[in-house]
C-alpha atoms as a PDB file:
ATOM      1  CA  UNK A   1     119.754 -78.047  34.367  1.00  0.00           C
ATOM      2  CA  UNK A   2     121.379 -81.448  34.890  1.00  0.00           C
ATOM      3  CA  UNK A   3     118.698 -83.053  37.013  1.00  0.00           C
ATOM      4  CA  UNK A   4     119.984 -81.503  40.218  1.00  0.00           C
ATOM      5  CA  UNK A   5     119.098 -78.437  42.250  1.00  0.00           C
ATOM      6  CA  UNK A   6     121.782 -75.770  42.081  1.00  0.00           C
ATOM      7  CA  UNK A   7     123.065 -74.410  45.382  1.00  0.00           C
ATOM      8  CA  UNK A   8     125.089 -71.226  45.631  1.00  0.00           C
ATOM      9  CA  UNK A   9     127.595 -71.230  48.485  1.00  0.00           C
ATOM     10  CA  UNK A  10     129.500 -68.133  49.538  1.00  0.00           C
ATOM     11  CA  UNK A  11     133.160 -69.184  49.549  1.00  0.00           C
ATOM     12  CA  UNK A  12     135.141 -69.361  52.755  1.00  0.00           C
ATOM     13  CA  UNK A  13     137.361 -66.512  53.857  1.00  0.00           C
ATOM     14  CA  UNK A  14     140.721 -68.248  53.387  1.00  0.00           C
ATOM     15  CA  UNK A  15     142.254 -71.340  51.793  1.00  0.00           C
ATOM     16  CA  UNK A  16     142.319 -74.765  53.430  1.00  0.00           C
ATOM     17  CA  UNK A  17     145.100 -76.424  55.379  1.00  0.00           C
ATOM     18  CA  UNK A  18     146.937 -79.663  54.731  1.00  0.00           C
ATOM     19  CA  UNK A  19     145.926 -83.059  56.136  1.00  0.00           C
ATOM     20  CA  UNK A  20     142.288 -83.000  57.153  1.00  0.00           C
ATOM     21  CA  UNK A  21     141.992 -79.280  56.527  1.00  0.00           C
ATOM     22  CA  UNK A  22     140.862 -79.240  52.920  1.00  0.00           C
ATOM     23  CA  UNK A  23     137.453 -78.159  54.184  1.00  0.00           C
ATOM     24  CA  UNK A  24     138.577 -74.725  55.385  1.00  0.00           C
ATOM     25  CA  UNK A  25     140.905 -72.773  57.605  1.00  0.00           C
ATOM     26  CA  UNK A  26     139.850 -72.177  61.211  1.00  0.00           C
ATOM     27  CA  UNK A  27     137.418 -69.342  61.826  1.00  0.00           C
ATOM     28  CA  UNK A  28     135.766 -69.473  58.404  1.00  0.00           C
ATOM     29  CA  UNK A  29     132.205 -69.855  57.185  1.00  0.00           C
ATOM     30  CA  UNK A  30     130.953 -71.218  53.857  1.00  0.00           C
ATOM     31  CA  UNK A  31     127.415 -69.882  53.785  1.00  0.00           C
ATOM     32  CA  UNK A  32     124.596 -71.175  51.603  1.00  0.00           C
ATOM     33  CA  UNK A  33     121.910 -68.994  50.086  1.00  0.00           C
ATOM     34  CA  UNK A  34     119.175 -70.059  52.516  1.00  0.00           C
ATOM     35  CA  UNK A  35     120.011 -70.421  56.233  1.00  0.00           C
ATOM     36  CA  UNK A  36     118.428 -73.830  56.839  1.00  0.00           C
ATOM     37  CA  UNK A  37     121.169 -76.049  58.305  1.00  0.00           C
ATOM     38  CA  UNK A  38     124.649 -75.245  59.595  1.00  0.00           C
ATOM     39  CA  UNK A  39     127.321 -77.918  60.137  1.00  0.00           C
ATOM     40  CA  UNK A  40     129.931 -76.907  62.715  1.00  0.00           C
ATOM     41  CA  UNK A  41     133.418 -78.429  62.710  1.00  0.00           C
ATOM     42  CA  UNK A  42     136.136 -78.137  65.320  1.00  0.00           C
ATOM     43  CA  UNK A  43     139.350 -76.334  64.357  1.00  0.00           C
ATOM     44  CA  UNK A  44     141.345 -78.518  61.918  1.00  0.00           C
ATOM     45  CA  UNK A  45     144.586 -79.915  63.273  1.00  0.00           C
ATOM     46  CA  UNK A  46     146.398 -83.114  64.248  1.00  0.00           C
ATOM     47  CA  UNK A  47     143.500 -84.441  66.371  1.00  0.00           C
ATOM     48  CA  UNK A  48     140.496 -82.566  65.007  1.00  0.00           C
ATOM     49  CA  UNK A  49     140.192 -83.808  61.439  1.00  0.00           C
ATOM     50  CA  UNK A  50     137.362 -82.213  59.492  1.00  0.00           C
ATOM     51  CA  UNK A  51     136.868 -84.952  56.889  1.00  0.00           C
ATOM     52  CA  UNK A  52     133.513 -86.298  58.200  1.00  0.00           C
ATOM     53  CA  UNK A  53     132.039 -82.794  58.012  1.00  0.00           C
ATOM     54  CA  UNK A  54     132.836 -82.627  54.288  1.00  0.00           C
ATOM     55  CA  UNK A  55     131.014 -85.914  53.720  1.00  0.00           C
ATOM     56  CA  UNK A  56     128.056 -84.957  55.915  1.00  0.00           C
ATOM     57  CA  UNK A  57     127.709 -81.659  54.054  1.00  0.00           C
ATOM     58  CA  UNK A  58     127.897 -83.390  50.676  1.00  0.00           C
ATOM     59  CA  UNK A  59     125.306 -85.962  51.749  1.00  0.00           C
ATOM     60  CA  UNK A  60     122.876 -83.275  52.874  1.00  0.00           C
ATOM     61  CA  UNK A  61     123.346 -81.142  49.767  1.00  0.00           C
ATOM     62  CA  UNK A  62     122.775 -84.172  47.581  1.00  0.00           C
ATOM     63  CA  UNK A  63     119.335 -84.384  49.194  1.00  0.00           C
ATOM     64  CA  UNK A  64     118.717 -80.733  48.221  1.00  0.00           C
ATOM     65  CA  UNK A  65     119.191 -79.496  51.782  1.00  0.00           C
ATOM     66  CA  UNK A  66     120.808 -76.069  52.079  1.00  0.00           C
ATOM     67  CA  UNK A  67     123.859 -76.396  54.361  1.00  0.00           C
ATOM     68  CA  UNK A  68     126.367 -73.822  55.576  1.00  0.00           C
ATOM     69  CA  UNK A  69     129.684 -74.945  57.113  1.00  0.00           C
ATOM     70  CA  UNK A  70     131.441 -73.185  59.994  1.00  0.00           C
ATOM     71  CA  UNK A  71     134.939 -74.149  61.173  1.00  0.00           C
ATOM     72  CA  UNK A  72     135.448 -72.782  64.674  1.00  0.00           C
ATOM     73  CA  UNK A  73     138.379 -70.548  65.455  1.00  0.00           C
ATOM     74  CA  UNK A  74     138.855 -72.093  68.924  1.00  0.00           C
ATOM     75  CA  UNK A  75     137.321 -75.532  68.480  1.00  0.00           C
ATOM     76  CA  UNK A  76     140.129 -77.542  70.069  1.00  0.00           C
ATOM     77  CA  UNK A  77     140.370 -78.216  73.797  1.00  0.00           C
ATOM     78  CA  UNK A  78     137.510 -77.937  76.296  1.00  0.00           C
ATOM     79  CA  UNK A  79     135.492 -75.041  77.772  1.00  0.00           C
ATOM     80  CA  UNK A  80     136.935 -73.003  80.642  1.00  0.00           C
ATOM     81  CA  UNK A  81     135.190 -74.897  83.472  1.00  0.00           C
ATOM     82  CA  UNK A  82     136.241 -78.379  82.361  1.00  0.00           C
ATOM     83  CA  UNK A  83     139.642 -77.046  81.282  1.00  0.00           C
ATOM     84  CA  UNK A  84     140.458 -76.101  84.895  1.00  0.00           C
ATOM     85  CA  UNK A  85     139.233 -79.410  86.295  1.00  0.00           C
ATOM     86  CA  UNK A  86     140.691 -81.923  83.842  1.00  0.00           C
ATOM     87  CA  UNK A  87     143.868 -80.439  82.409  1.00  0.00           C
ATOM     88  CA  UNK A  88     145.156 -78.260  85.272  1.00  0.00           C
ATOM     89  CA  UNK A  89     145.010 -75.218  83.014  1.00  0.00           C
ATOM     90  CA  UNK A  90     147.239 -76.510  80.215  1.00  0.00           C
ATOM     91  CA  UNK A  91     146.362 -76.843  76.533  1.00  0.00           C
ATOM     92  CA  UNK A  92     143.908 -75.013  74.286  1.00  0.00           C
ATOM     93  CA  UNK A  93     140.536 -73.707  75.462  1.00  0.00           C
ATOM     94  CA  UNK A  94     137.350 -74.283  73.523  1.00  0.00           C
ATOM     95  CA  UNK A  95     135.116 -71.282  72.970  1.00  0.00           C
ATOM     96  CA  UNK A  96     132.984 -69.340  70.509  1.00  0.00           C
ATOM     97  CA  UNK A  97     133.103 -65.645  69.753  1.00  0.00           C
ATOM     98  CA  UNK A  98     130.127 -63.353  69.161  1.00  0.00           C
ATOM     99  CA  UNK A  99     130.513 -63.555  65.381  1.00  0.00           C
ATOM    100  CA  UNK A 100     130.382 -67.372  65.380  1.00  0.00           C
ATOM    101  CA  UNK A 101     127.355 -67.420  67.684  1.00  0.00           C
ATOM    102  CA  UNK A 102     125.547 -64.984  65.375  1.00  0.00           C
ATOM    103  CA  UNK A 103     126.429 -67.115  62.343  1.00  0.00           C
ATOM    104  CA  UNK A 104     125.047 -70.266  63.983  1.00  0.00           C
ATOM    105  CA  UNK A 105     121.969 -68.483  65.320  1.00  0.00           C
ATOM    106  CA  UNK A 106     120.835 -67.416  61.832  1.00  0.00           C
ATOM    107  CA  UNK A 107     120.111 -71.042  60.934  1.00  0.00           C
ATOM    108  CA  UNK A 108     117.168 -73.300  61.744  1.00  0.00           C
ATOM    109  CA  UNK A 109     119.131 -76.441  62.630  1.00  0.00           C
ATOM    110  CA  UNK A 110     122.646 -77.233  63.861  1.00  0.00           C
ATOM    111  CA  UNK A 111     124.712 -80.348  63.062  1.00  0.00           C
ATOM    112  CA  UNK A 112     127.539 -80.313  65.628  1.00  0.00           C
ATOM    113  CA  UNK A 113     130.495 -82.598  64.890  1.00  0.00           C
ATOM    114  CA  UNK A 114     132.515 -83.545  67.974  1.00  0.00           C
ATOM    115  CA  UNK A 115     134.999 -86.202  69.098  1.00  0.00           C
ATOM    116  CA  UNK A 116     135.307 -89.356  71.183  1.00  0.00           C
ATOM    117  CA  UNK A 117     135.557 -88.274  74.825  1.00  0.00           C
ATOM    118  CA  UNK A 118     132.150 -88.206  76.506  1.00  0.00           C
ATOM    119  CA  UNK A 119     132.895 -85.325  78.880  1.00  0.00           C
ATOM    120  CA  UNK A 120     134.297 -83.206  76.049  1.00  0.00           C
ATOM    121  CA  UNK A 121     131.306 -83.881  73.783  1.00  0.00           C
ATOM    122  CA  UNK A 122     128.875 -82.932  76.541  1.00  0.00           C
ATOM    123  CA  UNK A 123     130.766 -79.842  77.705  1.00  0.00           C
ATOM    124  CA  UNK A 124     131.215 -78.475  74.167  1.00  0.00           C
ATOM    125  CA  UNK A 125     127.574 -79.086  73.316  1.00  0.00           C
ATOM    126  CA  UNK A 126     126.520 -77.308  76.508  1.00  0.00           C
ATOM    127  CA  UNK A 127     128.821 -74.369  75.774  1.00  0.00           C
ATOM    128  CA  UNK A 128     127.338 -73.887  72.291  1.00  0.00           C
ATOM    129  CA  UNK A 129     123.700 -74.337  73.314  1.00  0.00           C
ATOM    130  CA  UNK A 130     124.030 -71.955  76.261  1.00  0.00           C
ATOM    131  CA  UNK A 131     124.028 -69.106  73.780  1.00  0.00           C
ATOM    132  CA  UNK A 132     122.195 -70.494  70.735  1.00  0.00           C
ATOM    133  CA  UNK A 133     118.560 -71.553  70.977  1.00  0.00           C
ATOM    134  CA  UNK A 134     118.509 -73.956  68.060  1.00  0.00           C
ATOM    135  CA  UNK A 135     117.607 -77.659  67.604  1.00  0.00           C
ATOM    136  CA  UNK A 136     120.809 -79.697  67.334  1.00  0.00           C
ATOM    137  CA  UNK A 137     122.028 -83.033  65.995  1.00  0.00           C
ATOM    138  CA  UNK A 138     125.218 -84.180  67.743  1.00  0.00           C
ATOM    139  CA  UNK A 139     127.564 -86.271  65.570  1.00  0.00           C
ATOM    140  CA  UNK A 140     130.319 -88.004  67.551  1.00  0.00           C
ATOM    141  CA  UNK A 141     132.343 -91.211  67.786  1.00  0.00           C
ATOM    142  CA  UNK A 142     131.360 -92.713  71.149  1.00  0.00           C
ATOM    143  CA  UNK A 143     127.893 -94.173  71.786  1.00  0.00           C
ATOM    144  CA  UNK A 144     126.060 -91.623  73.930  1.00  0.00           C
ATOM    145  CA  UNK A 145     122.513 -91.171  75.187  1.00  0.00           C
ATOM    146  CA  UNK A 146     120.177 -88.326  76.094  1.00  0.00           C
ATOM    147  CA  UNK A 147     120.492 -89.066  79.828  1.00  0.00           C
ATOM    148  CA  UNK A 148     124.166 -88.067  79.796  1.00  0.00           C
ATOM    149  CA  UNK A 149     123.374 -84.679  78.289  1.00  0.00           C
ATOM    150  CA  UNK A 150     120.368 -84.083  80.542  1.00  0.00           C
ATOM    151  CA  UNK A 151     122.411 -84.906  83.649  1.00  0.00           C
ATOM    152  CA  UNK A 152     124.803 -82.096  82.645  1.00  0.00           C
ATOM    153  CA  UNK A 153     121.938 -79.625  82.245  1.00  0.00           C
ATOM    154  CA  UNK A 154     121.553 -79.828  78.464  1.00  0.00           C
ATOM    155  CA  UNK A 155     117.994 -79.801  77.130  1.00  0.00           C
ATOM    156  CA  UNK A 156     117.212 -82.906  75.047  1.00  0.00           C
ATOM    157  CA  UNK A 157     114.254 -84.160  73.065  1.00  0.00           C
ATOM    158  CA  UNK A 158     113.595 -87.229  75.219  1.00  0.00           C
ATOM    159  CA  UNK A 159     115.047 -86.512  78.658  1.00  0.00           C
ATOM    160  CA  UNK A 160     114.455 -83.231  80.468  1.00  0.00           C
ATOM    161  CA  UNK A 161     117.043 -81.978  82.968  1.00  0.00           C
ATOM    162  CA  UNK A 162     115.797 -81.032  86.416  1.00  0.00           C
ATOM    163  CA  UNK A 163     114.555 -77.419  86.211  1.00  0.00           C
ATOM    164  CA  UNK A 164     117.270 -76.103  88.515  1.00  0.00           C
ATOM    165  CA  UNK A 165     119.984 -77.778  86.403  1.00  0.00           C
ATOM    166  CA  UNK A 166     118.981 -76.491  82.950  1.00  0.00           C
ATOM    167  CA  UNK A 167     121.897 -74.574  81.414  1.00  0.00           C
ATOM    168  CA  UNK A 168     120.995 -74.393  77.726  1.00  0.00           C
ATOM    169  CA  UNK A 169     118.488 -72.664  75.506  1.00  0.00           C
ATOM    170  CA  UNK A 170     119.074 -74.995  72.562  1.00  0.00           C
ATOM    171  CA  UNK A 171     118.016 -78.647  72.529  1.00  0.00           C
ATOM    172  CA  UNK A 172     119.775 -81.865  71.483  1.00  0.00           C
ATOM    173  CA  UNK A 173     117.237 -83.504  69.192  1.00  0.00           C
ATOM    174  CA  UNK A 174     119.243 -86.496  67.957  1.00  0.00           C
ATOM    175  CA  UNK A 175     122.620 -88.181  68.520  1.00  0.00           C
ATOM    176  CA  UNK A 176     124.512 -90.009  65.755  1.00  0.00           C
ATOM    177  CA  UNK A 177     127.502 -91.987  67.038  1.00  0.00           C
ATOM    178  CA  UNK A 178     130.175 -93.959  65.193  1.00  0.00           C
ATOM    179  CA  UNK A 179     131.480 -90.949  63.244  1.00  0.00           C
ATOM    180  CA  UNK A 180     135.271 -90.911  63.575  1.00  0.00           C
ATOM    181  CA  UNK A 181     137.457 -87.901  62.879  1.00  0.00           C
ATOM    182  CA  UNK A 182     139.583 -88.437  59.786  1.00  0.00           C
ATOM    183  CA  UNK A 183     137.637 -91.527  58.706  1.00  0.00           C
ATOM    184  CA  UNK A 184     134.964 -91.993  56.045  1.00  0.00           C
ATOM    185  CA  UNK A 185     131.443 -91.485  57.372  1.00  0.00           C
ATOM    186  CA  UNK A 186     129.377 -94.623  56.752  1.00  0.00           C
ATOM    187  CA  UNK A 187     126.380 -94.575  54.433  1.00  0.00           C
ATOM    188  CA  UNK A 188     124.220 -95.672  57.373  1.00  0.00           C
ATOM    189  CA  UNK A 189     125.223 -92.662  59.465  1.00  0.00           C
ATOM    190  CA  UNK A 190     124.843 -90.261  56.544  1.00  0.00           C
ATOM    191  CA  UNK A 191     121.330 -91.585  55.995  1.00  0.00           C
ATOM    192  CA  UNK A 192     120.546 -91.142  59.703  1.00  0.00           C
ATOM    193  CA  UNK A 193     121.636 -87.510  59.635  1.00  0.00           C
ATOM    194  CA  UNK A 194     119.667 -86.791  56.453  1.00  0.00           C
ATOM    195  CA  UNK A 195     116.530 -88.428  57.902  1.00  0.00           C
ATOM    196  CA  UNK A 196     116.880 -86.582  61.205  1.00  0.00           C
ATOM    197  CA  UNK A 197     117.318 -83.238  59.425  1.00  0.00           C
ATOM    198  CA  UNK A 198     114.187 -83.847  57.373  1.00  0.00           C
ATOM    199  CA  UNK A 199     112.225 -84.954  60.439  1.00  0.00           C
ATOM    200  CA  UNK A 200     113.275 -82.032  62.637  1.00  0.00           C
ATOM    201  CA  UNK A 201     112.741 -79.459  59.888  1.00  0.00           C
ATOM    202  CA  UNK A 202     110.015 -80.704  57.508  1.00  0.00           C
ATOM    203  CA  UNK A 203     110.753 -77.776  55.165  1.00  0.00           C
ATOM    204  CA  UNK A 204     113.822 -79.777  54.073  1.00  0.00           C
ATOM    205  CA  UNK A 205     111.662 -82.575  52.601  1.00  0.00           C
END
């Protein structure tokens, strides 16, 4: 022993990409021994850089929190509904397959890393939490609040959507903004995520 708690992580299915893709190839899962927390990254590429997820994962593991990492196969773009409205049907479509939903659902807490367009952050969060009933921390770049999610029918810790508008089983418990794709995650934001994880799931203390 070297004064740290050893964590065994099942290696990802395939090797990483180039810039921003050192974390993993799309559609791969690095699974820890105990399914406590899962960090979900969008598909690596020119716009969706996975670097902050690496740092978030490292920060959580340093605090002896068991963290799995999933890189979505179709994480770019927006869900089908918003795709039709905002892009006239062009570009990639965001979505999750049954395998990814099962992988997320095995865990107690989700850390969902998204981007810097409010409508995209909300629509992707709603798409994930439609099918996965799990408490969630949203990590994104733009400042956002619970009202925005609730207005779109997403359950949140502080603001409840109108009963007829609820579209999710899972709940947004916390929002951490100021996390930019491809940029170093600040110590302040790492500390926020660690504290939120420990608060939401006391077993991680």
